[in-house]
C-alpha atoms as a PDB file:
ATOM      1  CA  MET A   1       7.286  14.268 -35.633  1.00  0.00           C
ATOM      2  CA  SER A   2       7.239  10.928 -33.803  1.00  0.00           C
ATOM      3  CA  PHE A   3       9.221   8.394 -35.812  1.00  0.00           C
ATOM      4  CA  HIS A   4      10.837   5.116 -34.828  1.00  0.00           C
ATOM      5  CA  GLU A   5      13.971   4.221 -36.792  1.00  0.00           C
ATOM      6  CA  VAL A   6      12.926   0.601 -37.080  1.00  0.00           C
ATOM      7  CA  ARG A   7      11.951  -1.326 -40.195  1.00  0.00           C
ATOM      8  CA  PHE A   8       8.744  -3.288 -40.610  1.00  0.00           C
ATOM      9  CA  PRO A   9       9.817  -6.950 -40.991  1.00  0.00           C
ATOM     10  CA  ALA A  10      11.036  -7.193 -44.584  1.00  0.00           C
ATOM     11  CA  ASN A  11       9.852 -10.764 -45.000  1.00  0.00           C
ATOM     12  CA  LEU A  12       6.298  -9.583 -44.287  1.00  0.00           C
ATOM     13  CA  SER A  13       6.415  -6.547 -46.575  1.00  0.00           C
ATOM     14  CA  PHE A  14       7.698  -8.775 -49.410  1.00  0.00           C
ATOM     15  CA  GLY A  15       4.205  -9.959 -50.280  1.00  0.00           C
ATOM     16  CA  SER A  16       2.489  -6.586 -49.858  1.00  0.00           C
ATOM     17  CA  VAL A  17       0.807  -4.599 -52.608  1.00  0.00           C
ATOM     18  CA  GLY A  18       1.025  -0.859 -53.156  1.00  0.00           C
ATOM     19  CA  GLY A  19       2.955   1.941 -54.765  1.00  0.00           C
ATOM     20  CA  PRO A  20       3.034   5.692 -55.460  1.00  0.00           C
ATOM     21  CA  GLU A  21      -0.041   7.894 -55.366  1.00  0.00           C
ATOM     22  CA  ARG A  22      -0.279  11.342 -56.951  1.00  0.00           C
ATOM     23  CA  ARG A  23      -2.858  14.068 -56.435  1.00  0.00           C
ATOM     24  CA  THR A  24      -3.960  15.901 -59.557  1.00  0.00           C
ATOM     25  CA  ASP A  25      -6.628  18.623 -59.638  1.00  0.00           C
ATOM     26  CA  ILE A  26      -8.415  18.637 -63.016  1.00  0.00           C
ATOM     27  CA  VAL A  27     -10.767  21.359 -64.205  1.00  0.00           C
ATOM     28  CA  THR A  28     -12.668  20.843 -67.461  1.00  0.00           C
ATOM     29  CA  LEU A  29     -13.274  24.138 -69.230  1.00  0.00           C
ATOM     30  CA  SER A  30     -16.420  25.039 -71.184  1.00  0.00           C
ATOM     31  CA  ASN A  31     -14.580  24.454 -74.469  1.00  0.00           C
ATOM     32  CA  GLY A  32     -13.653  20.892 -73.443  1.00  0.00           C
ATOM     33  CA  PHE A  33     -10.007  21.584 -72.708  1.00  0.00           C
ATOM     34  CA  GLU A  34      -8.579  20.717 -69.303  1.00  0.00           C
ATOM     35  CA  GLU A  35      -6.424  22.538 -66.802  1.00  0.00           C
ATOM     36  CA  ARG A  36      -4.369  20.198 -64.630  1.00  0.00           C
ATOM     37  CA  ASN A  37      -2.389  21.088 -61.546  1.00  0.00           C
ATOM     38  CA  THR A  38      -0.980  19.335 -58.488  1.00  0.00           C
ATOM     39  CA  PRO A  39      -0.403  20.629 -54.951  1.00  0.00           C
ATOM     40  CA  TRP A  40       2.079  17.801 -54.295  1.00  0.00           C
ATOM     41  CA  ALA A  41       5.727  18.070 -55.294  1.00  0.00           C
ATOM     42  CA  HIS A  42       6.277  14.396 -54.430  1.00  0.00           C
ATOM     43  CA  ALA A  43       4.224  11.220 -54.629  1.00  0.00           C
ATOM     44  CA  ARG A  44       2.813   9.577 -51.524  1.00  0.00           C
ATOM     45  CA  ARG A  45       3.041   5.805 -51.342  1.00  0.00           C
ATOM     46  CA  ARG A  46       0.426   3.454 -49.945  1.00  0.00           C
ATOM     47  CA  TYR A  47       0.684  -0.256 -49.158  1.00  0.00           C
ATOM     48  CA  ASP A  48      -1.368  -3.088 -47.686  1.00  0.00           C
ATOM     49  CA  ALA A  49       0.735  -4.999 -45.166  1.00  0.00           C
ATOM     50  CA  GLY A  50      -1.931  -7.637 -44.608  1.00  0.00           C
ATOM     51  CA  VAL A  51      -1.347  -9.332 -47.950  1.00  0.00           C
ATOM     52  CA  GLY A  52       2.103 -10.503 -46.833  1.00  0.00           C
ATOM     53  CA  MET A  53       0.800 -12.553 -43.890  1.00  0.00           C
ATOM     54  CA  ARG A  54       1.452 -16.267 -44.466  1.00  0.00           C
ATOM     55  CA  SER A  55       1.035 -17.838 -41.031  1.00  0.00           C
ATOM     56  CA  LEU A  56      -0.332 -17.199 -37.559  1.00  0.00           C
ATOM     57  CA  ASP A  57       3.245 -16.459 -36.474  1.00  0.00           C
ATOM     58  CA  ASP A  58       3.268 -13.614 -39.022  1.00  0.00           C
ATOM     59  CA  ILE A  59       0.033 -12.262 -37.536  1.00  0.00           C
ATOM     60  CA  GLU A  60       1.630 -12.307 -34.080  1.00  0.00           C
ATOM     61  CA  VAL A  61       4.646 -10.362 -35.373  1.00  0.00           C
ATOM     62  CA  LEU A  62       2.323  -7.859 -37.074  1.00  0.00           C
ATOM     63  CA  ILE A  63       0.294  -7.254 -33.922  1.00  0.00           C
ATOM     64  CA  SER A  64       3.441  -6.830 -31.816  1.00  0.00           C
ATOM     65  CA  PHE A  65       4.838  -4.304 -34.301  1.00  0.00           C
ATOM     66  CA  PHE A  66       1.493  -2.483 -34.467  1.00  0.00           C
ATOM     67  CA  GLU A  67       1.231  -2.229 -30.689  1.00  0.00           C
ATOM     68  CA  ALA A  68       4.836  -1.018 -30.338  1.00  0.00           C
ATOM     69  CA  ARG A  69       4.051   1.792 -32.811  1.00  0.00           C
ATOM     70  CA  ARG A  70       0.842   2.625 -30.888  1.00  0.00           C
ATOM     71  CA  GLY A  71      -1.176   2.257 -34.081  1.00  0.00           C
ATOM     72  CA  GLN A  72      -0.914   5.430 -36.175  1.00  0.00           C
ATOM     73  CA  LEU A  73       1.073   7.357 -33.545  1.00  0.00           C
ATOM     74  CA  TYR A  74       4.648   6.490 -34.550  1.00  0.00           C
ATOM     75  CA  GLY A  75       6.100   6.231 -38.022  1.00  0.00           C
ATOM     76  CA  PHE A  76       8.541   3.549 -39.097  1.00  0.00           C
ATOM     77  CA  ARG A  77      10.621   2.300 -42.020  1.00  0.00           C
ATOM     78  CA  TRP A  78       9.150   0.196 -44.815  1.00  0.00           C
ATOM     79  CA  LYS A  79      10.991  -1.743 -47.508  1.00  0.00           C
ATOM     80  CA  ASP A  80       9.257  -1.341 -50.855  1.00  0.00           C
ATOM     81  CA  TRP A  81      10.511  -4.434 -52.663  1.00  0.00           C
ATOM     82  CA  SER A  82       9.555  -2.970 -56.039  1.00  0.00           C
ATOM     83  CA  ASP A  83      11.700   0.155 -55.547  1.00  0.00           C
ATOM     84  CA  TYR A  84      14.444   0.121 -52.914  1.00  0.00           C
ATOM     85  CA  LYS A  85      17.703   0.659 -54.814  1.00  0.00           C
ATOM     86  CA  SER A  86      19.437   3.627 -56.399  1.00  0.00           C
ATOM     87  CA  GLY A  87      20.019   1.707 -59.627  1.00  0.00           C
ATOM     88  CA  LYS A  88      18.452  -1.155 -61.539  1.00  0.00           C
ATOM     89  CA  ALA A  89      16.423  -3.624 -59.489  1.00  0.00           C
ATOM     90  CA  LEU A  90      18.617  -6.635 -60.319  1.00  0.00           C
ATOM     91  CA  ALA A  91      21.943  -4.775 -60.279  1.00  0.00           C
ATOM     92  CA  ASP A  92      24.289  -4.387 -57.326  1.00  0.00           C
ATOM     93  CA  VAL A  93      24.522  -0.956 -55.711  1.00  0.00           C
ATOM     94  CA  ASP A  94      27.300   1.107 -57.330  1.00  0.00           C
ATOM     95  CA  PHE A  95      28.727   4.429 -56.143  1.00  0.00           C
ATOM     96  CA  ARG A  96      28.053   5.867 -59.619  1.00  0.00           C
ATOM     97  CA  ASP A  97      24.311   5.104 -59.622  1.00  0.00           C
ATOM     98  CA  GLN A  98      23.093   8.647 -58.930  1.00  0.00           C
ATOM     99  CA  VAL A  99      24.638  12.099 -59.361  1.00  0.00           C
ATOM    100  CA  ILE A 100      23.701  13.939 -56.161  1.00  0.00           C
ATOM    101  CA  GLY A 101      25.613  17.172 -56.654  1.00  0.00           C
ATOM    102  CA  GLU A 102      28.721  19.026 -57.721  1.00  0.00           C
ATOM    103  CA  GLY A 103      31.452  20.350 -55.501  1.00  0.00           C
ATOM    104  CA  ASP A 104      32.094  24.078 -55.035  1.00  0.00           C
ATOM    105  CA  GLY A 105      34.943  23.885 -52.545  1.00  0.00           C
ATOM    106  CA  ALA A 106      32.726  25.007 -49.651  1.00  0.00           C
ATOM    107  CA  GLU A 107      29.681  22.714 -49.398  1.00  0.00           C
ATOM    108  CA  HIS A 108      30.198  19.658 -47.194  1.00  0.00           C
ATOM    109  CA  VAL A 109      26.627  18.310 -46.983  1.00  0.00           C
ATOM    110  CA  PHE A 110      24.775  16.611 -49.849  1.00  0.00           C
ATOM    111  CA  GLN A 111      21.257  15.166 -49.866  1.00  0.00           C
ATOM    112  CA  LEU A 112      20.715  11.700 -51.305  1.00  0.00           C
ATOM    113  CA  HIS A 113      18.135  11.468 -54.074  1.00  0.00           C
ATOM    114  CA  LYS A 114      16.985   9.212 -56.891  1.00  0.00           C
ATOM    115  CA  VAL A 115      16.106  10.427 -60.377  1.00  0.00           C
ATOM    116  CA  TYR A 116      13.306   8.782 -62.360  1.00  0.00           C
ATOM    117  CA  ARG A 117      13.440   9.321 -66.138  1.00  0.00           C
ATOM    118  CA  SER A 118      11.047   8.633 -68.980  1.00  0.00           C
ATOM    119  CA  GLY A 119      11.834  10.231 -72.306  1.00  0.00           C
ATOM    120  CA  GLU A 120      12.764  13.859 -71.675  1.00  0.00           C
ATOM    121  CA  ALA A 121      10.801  14.040 -68.417  1.00  0.00           C
ATOM    122  CA  ARG A 122      12.457  13.464 -65.056  1.00  0.00           C
ATOM    123  CA  TYR A 123      11.474  13.484 -61.412  1.00  0.00           C
ATOM    124  CA  THR A 124      13.916  13.812 -58.502  1.00  0.00           C
ATOM    125  CA  ARG A 125      12.879  11.999 -55.316  1.00  0.00           C
ATOM    126  CA  PRO A 126      14.627  12.918 -52.052  1.00  0.00           C
ATOM    127  CA  ILE A 127      15.886   9.831 -50.221  1.00  0.00           C
ATOM    128  CA  LEU A 128      15.486  10.426 -46.495  1.00  0.00           C
ATOM    129  CA  LYS A 129      15.855   6.903 -45.097  1.00  0.00           C
ATOM    130  CA  PRO A 130      18.930   5.191 -46.577  1.00  0.00           C
ATOM    131  CA  VAL A 131      19.811   1.768 -45.217  1.00  0.00           C
ATOM    132  CA  ALA A 132      22.966   1.716 -43.092  1.00  0.00           C
ATOM    133  CA  GLY A 133      25.777  -0.326 -44.587  1.00  0.00           C
ATOM    134  CA  THR A 134      24.523  -0.023 -48.177  1.00  0.00           C
ATOM    135  CA  VAL A 135      25.530   3.558 -49.033  1.00  0.00           C
ATOM    136  CA  ARG A 136      28.489   4.003 -51.386  1.00  0.00           C
ATOM    137  CA  VAL A 137      29.749   7.474 -52.318  1.00  0.00           C
ATOM    138  CA  GLY A 138      32.091   8.759 -54.999  1.00  0.00           C
ATOM    139  CA  VAL A 139      33.785  12.063 -55.813  1.00  0.00           C
ATOM    140  CA  ALA A 140      35.244  12.676 -59.266  1.00  0.00           C
ATOM    141  CA  ASP A 141      34.725   8.971 -60.118  1.00  0.00           C
ATOM    142  CA  THR A 142      36.720   7.836 -57.056  1.00  0.00           C
ATOM    143  CA  GLU A 143      34.954   5.876 -54.343  1.00  0.00           C
ATOM    144  CA  GLN A 144      35.090   7.377 -50.855  1.00  0.00           C
ATOM    145  CA  GLN A 145      35.340   5.535 -47.539  1.00  0.00           C
ATOM    146  CA  GLU A 146      32.632   5.975 -44.927  1.00  0.00           C
ATOM    147  CA  ALA A 147      33.801   7.207 -41.496  1.00  0.00           C
ATOM    148  CA  VAL A 148      37.015   8.409 -43.143  1.00  0.00           C
ATOM    149  CA  ASP A 149      35.988  10.601 -46.089  1.00  0.00           C
ATOM    150  CA  PHE A 150      32.334  11.086 -45.169  1.00  0.00           C
ATOM    151  CA  THR A 151      29.658  10.376 -42.580  1.00  0.00           C
ATOM    152  CA  LEU A 152      26.059   9.367 -43.202  1.00  0.00           C
ATOM    153  CA  ASP A 153      22.924  10.543 -41.423  1.00  0.00           C
ATOM    154  CA  THR A 154      20.553   7.599 -41.926  1.00  0.00           C
ATOM    155  CA  ALA A 155      17.640   9.519 -40.369  1.00  0.00           C
ATOM    156  CA  ARG A 156      17.855  12.386 -42.876  1.00  0.00           C
ATOM    157  CA  GLY A 157      19.618  10.932 -45.904  1.00  0.00           C
ATOM    158  CA  GLU A 158      22.500  13.396 -45.770  1.00  0.00           C
ATOM    159  CA  ILE A 159      26.148  12.827 -46.668  1.00  0.00           C
ATOM    160  CA  THR A 160      28.692  15.030 -44.865  1.00  0.00           C
ATOM    161  CA  PHE A 161      32.243  15.120 -46.261  1.00  0.00           C
ATOM    162  CA  ALA A 162      35.281  15.656 -44.082  1.00  0.00           C
ATOM    163  CA  VAL A 163      36.717  17.801 -46.870  1.00  0.00           C
ATOM    164  CA  ALA A 164      34.412  19.680 -49.219  1.00  0.00           C
ATOM    165  CA  PRO A 165      34.613  18.412 -52.834  1.00  0.00           C
ATOM    166  CA  SER A 166      36.553  20.762 -55.084  1.00  0.00           C
ATOM    167  CA  PRO A 167      34.759  22.996 -57.608  1.00  0.00           C
ATOM    168  CA  GLY A 168      33.453  21.020 -60.563  1.00  0.00           C
ATOM    169  CA  GLU A 169      33.938  17.603 -58.966  1.00  0.00           C
ATOM    170  CA  GLN A 170      30.899  15.400 -59.457  1.00  0.00           C
ATOM    171  CA  VAL A 171      29.461  13.776 -56.321  1.00  0.00           C
ATOM    172  CA  THR A 172      27.744  10.419 -56.855  1.00  0.00           C
ATOM    173  CA  ALA A 173      26.125   7.817 -54.639  1.00  0.00           C
ATOM    174  CA  GLY A 174      24.555   4.384 -54.642  1.00  0.00           C
ATOM    175  CA  PHE A 175      22.344   3.021 -51.866  1.00  0.00           C
ATOM    176  CA  GLU A 176      19.392   1.010 -50.700  1.00  0.00           C
ATOM    177  CA  PHE A 177      16.597   2.905 -48.976  1.00  0.00           C
ATOM    178  CA  ASP A 178      13.375   2.572 -47.014  1.00  0.00           C
ATOM    179  CA  VAL A 179      10.125   4.536 -47.173  1.00  0.00           C
ATOM    180  CA  PRO A 180       9.024   6.470 -44.046  1.00  0.00           C
ATOM    181  CA  VAL A 181       5.476   5.323 -43.288  1.00  0.00           C
ATOM    182  CA  ARG A 182       2.865   4.871 -40.570  1.00  0.00           C
ATOM    183  CA  PHE A 183      -0.126   2.614 -40.161  1.00  0.00           C
ATOM    184  CA  ASP A 184      -3.211   4.178 -41.723  1.00  0.00           C
ATOM    185  CA  THR A 185      -5.547   2.631 -39.175  1.00  0.00           C
ATOM    186  CA  ASP A 186      -5.827   2.383 -35.392  1.00  0.00           C
ATOM    187  CA  ARG A 187      -7.515  -1.002 -35.602  1.00  0.00           C
ATOM    188  CA  ILE A 188      -6.462  -4.435 -36.842  1.00  0.00           C
ATOM    189  CA  GLN A 189      -9.125  -7.090 -37.094  1.00  0.00           C
ATOM    190  CA  THR A 190      -7.974 -10.696 -37.225  1.00  0.00           C
ATOM    191  CA  SER A 191      -9.723 -14.041 -37.059  1.00  0.00           C
ATOM    192  CA  VAL A 192      -7.920 -17.367 -36.847  1.00  0.00           C
ATOM    193  CA  ALA A 193     -10.755 -19.154 -38.647  1.00  0.00           C
ATOM    194  CA  SER A 194     -10.901 -16.545 -41.417  1.00  0.00           C
ATOM    195  CA  PHE A 195      -7.123 -16.513 -41.812  1.00  0.00           C
ATOM    196  CA  GLN A 196      -6.971 -20.285 -42.154  1.00  0.00           C
ATOM    197  CA  ALA A 197      -9.690 -20.007 -44.799  1.00  0.00           C
ATOM    198  CA  GLY A 198      -7.486 -17.652 -46.802  1.00  0.00           C
ATOM    199  CA  ASP A 199      -8.969 -14.318 -45.677  1.00  0.00           C
ATOM    200  CA  MET A 200      -6.131 -11.828 -45.079  1.00  0.00           C
ATOM    201  CA  PRO A 201      -6.436  -8.862 -42.667  1.00  0.00           C
ATOM    202  CA  ASN A 202      -6.537  -5.369 -44.130  1.00  0.00           C
ATOM    203  CA  VAL A 203      -3.534  -3.420 -42.783  1.00  0.00           C
ATOM    204  CA  PRO A 204      -3.130  -0.120 -44.691  1.00  0.00           C
ATOM    205  CA  VAL A 205       0.199   1.704 -44.526  1.00  0.00           C
ATOM    206  CA  VAL A 206       0.811   5.231 -45.853  1.00  0.00           C
ATOM    207  CA  GLU A 207       3.952   7.261 -46.496  1.00  0.00           C
ATOM    208  CA  VAL A 208       4.628  10.227 -44.208  1.00  0.00           C
ATOM    209  CA  ARG A 209       6.567  13.443 -44.786  1.00  0.00           C
ATOM    210  CA  VAL A 210       9.641  13.685 -42.578  1.00  0.00           C
END
C-alpha cells in the first residue's frame, strides 16, 4: 500500500475533532432480544482536519500537504492529541507502561501494542506507527538501550532484540505513536472570505489498515 512516513503538521491536528469508530451489526429477533456481532477486530478512527485551521498560512500548509499526498492516494501519519501515548495522557513515557510479551529464549521480535481496560474487559490495539526517539523498552524490569540491545522498526511497530529475552522474562515498552491515515476526500474547498468569517473547510481524514 502507498504510504508516506510523514506526519501531518501536529500544530494543525491539535484543534481537530474525531476519534474511534466501530462497526456493529445488530439483528432484532422476533422476541425482542438482539444479536450483536462485529466484522472488525479493531476500531477505525476518523478526524476532521479542517477544524484546526487558524490562519490563511495554515490553509496554505494544508493544501501543500494535500497535494503532496495526491489527495486520497497516499497515506500519512496523524497525531491524535487525545490518545498518543502508551500510558496516562499527562504522564511521561515509561518503559514499564505496557507489557508487550514474555521471553522464551528464541523469539527476538515483539510487536508494540496498547491495552485499553474498563472493568474486566480489555482491548489490545496494535501500534504500527511509533514515533522515533520516544520508544523505551525494558526486559525483566531493566531498561534496554536502543541500537545496542534492540532496534526499532518505526514503519511496522516492531522491536527486534539483539539477544532473545530469556524464558519467563517480561518484555515491556513505553512510547508515543501516530495513527496511519489518509484523506477521505479528493477535493478541498476553501474561500478566503468564508474563512475570515469563521467558516472552516471540511477536511475528513480516516484511518487505514497497514
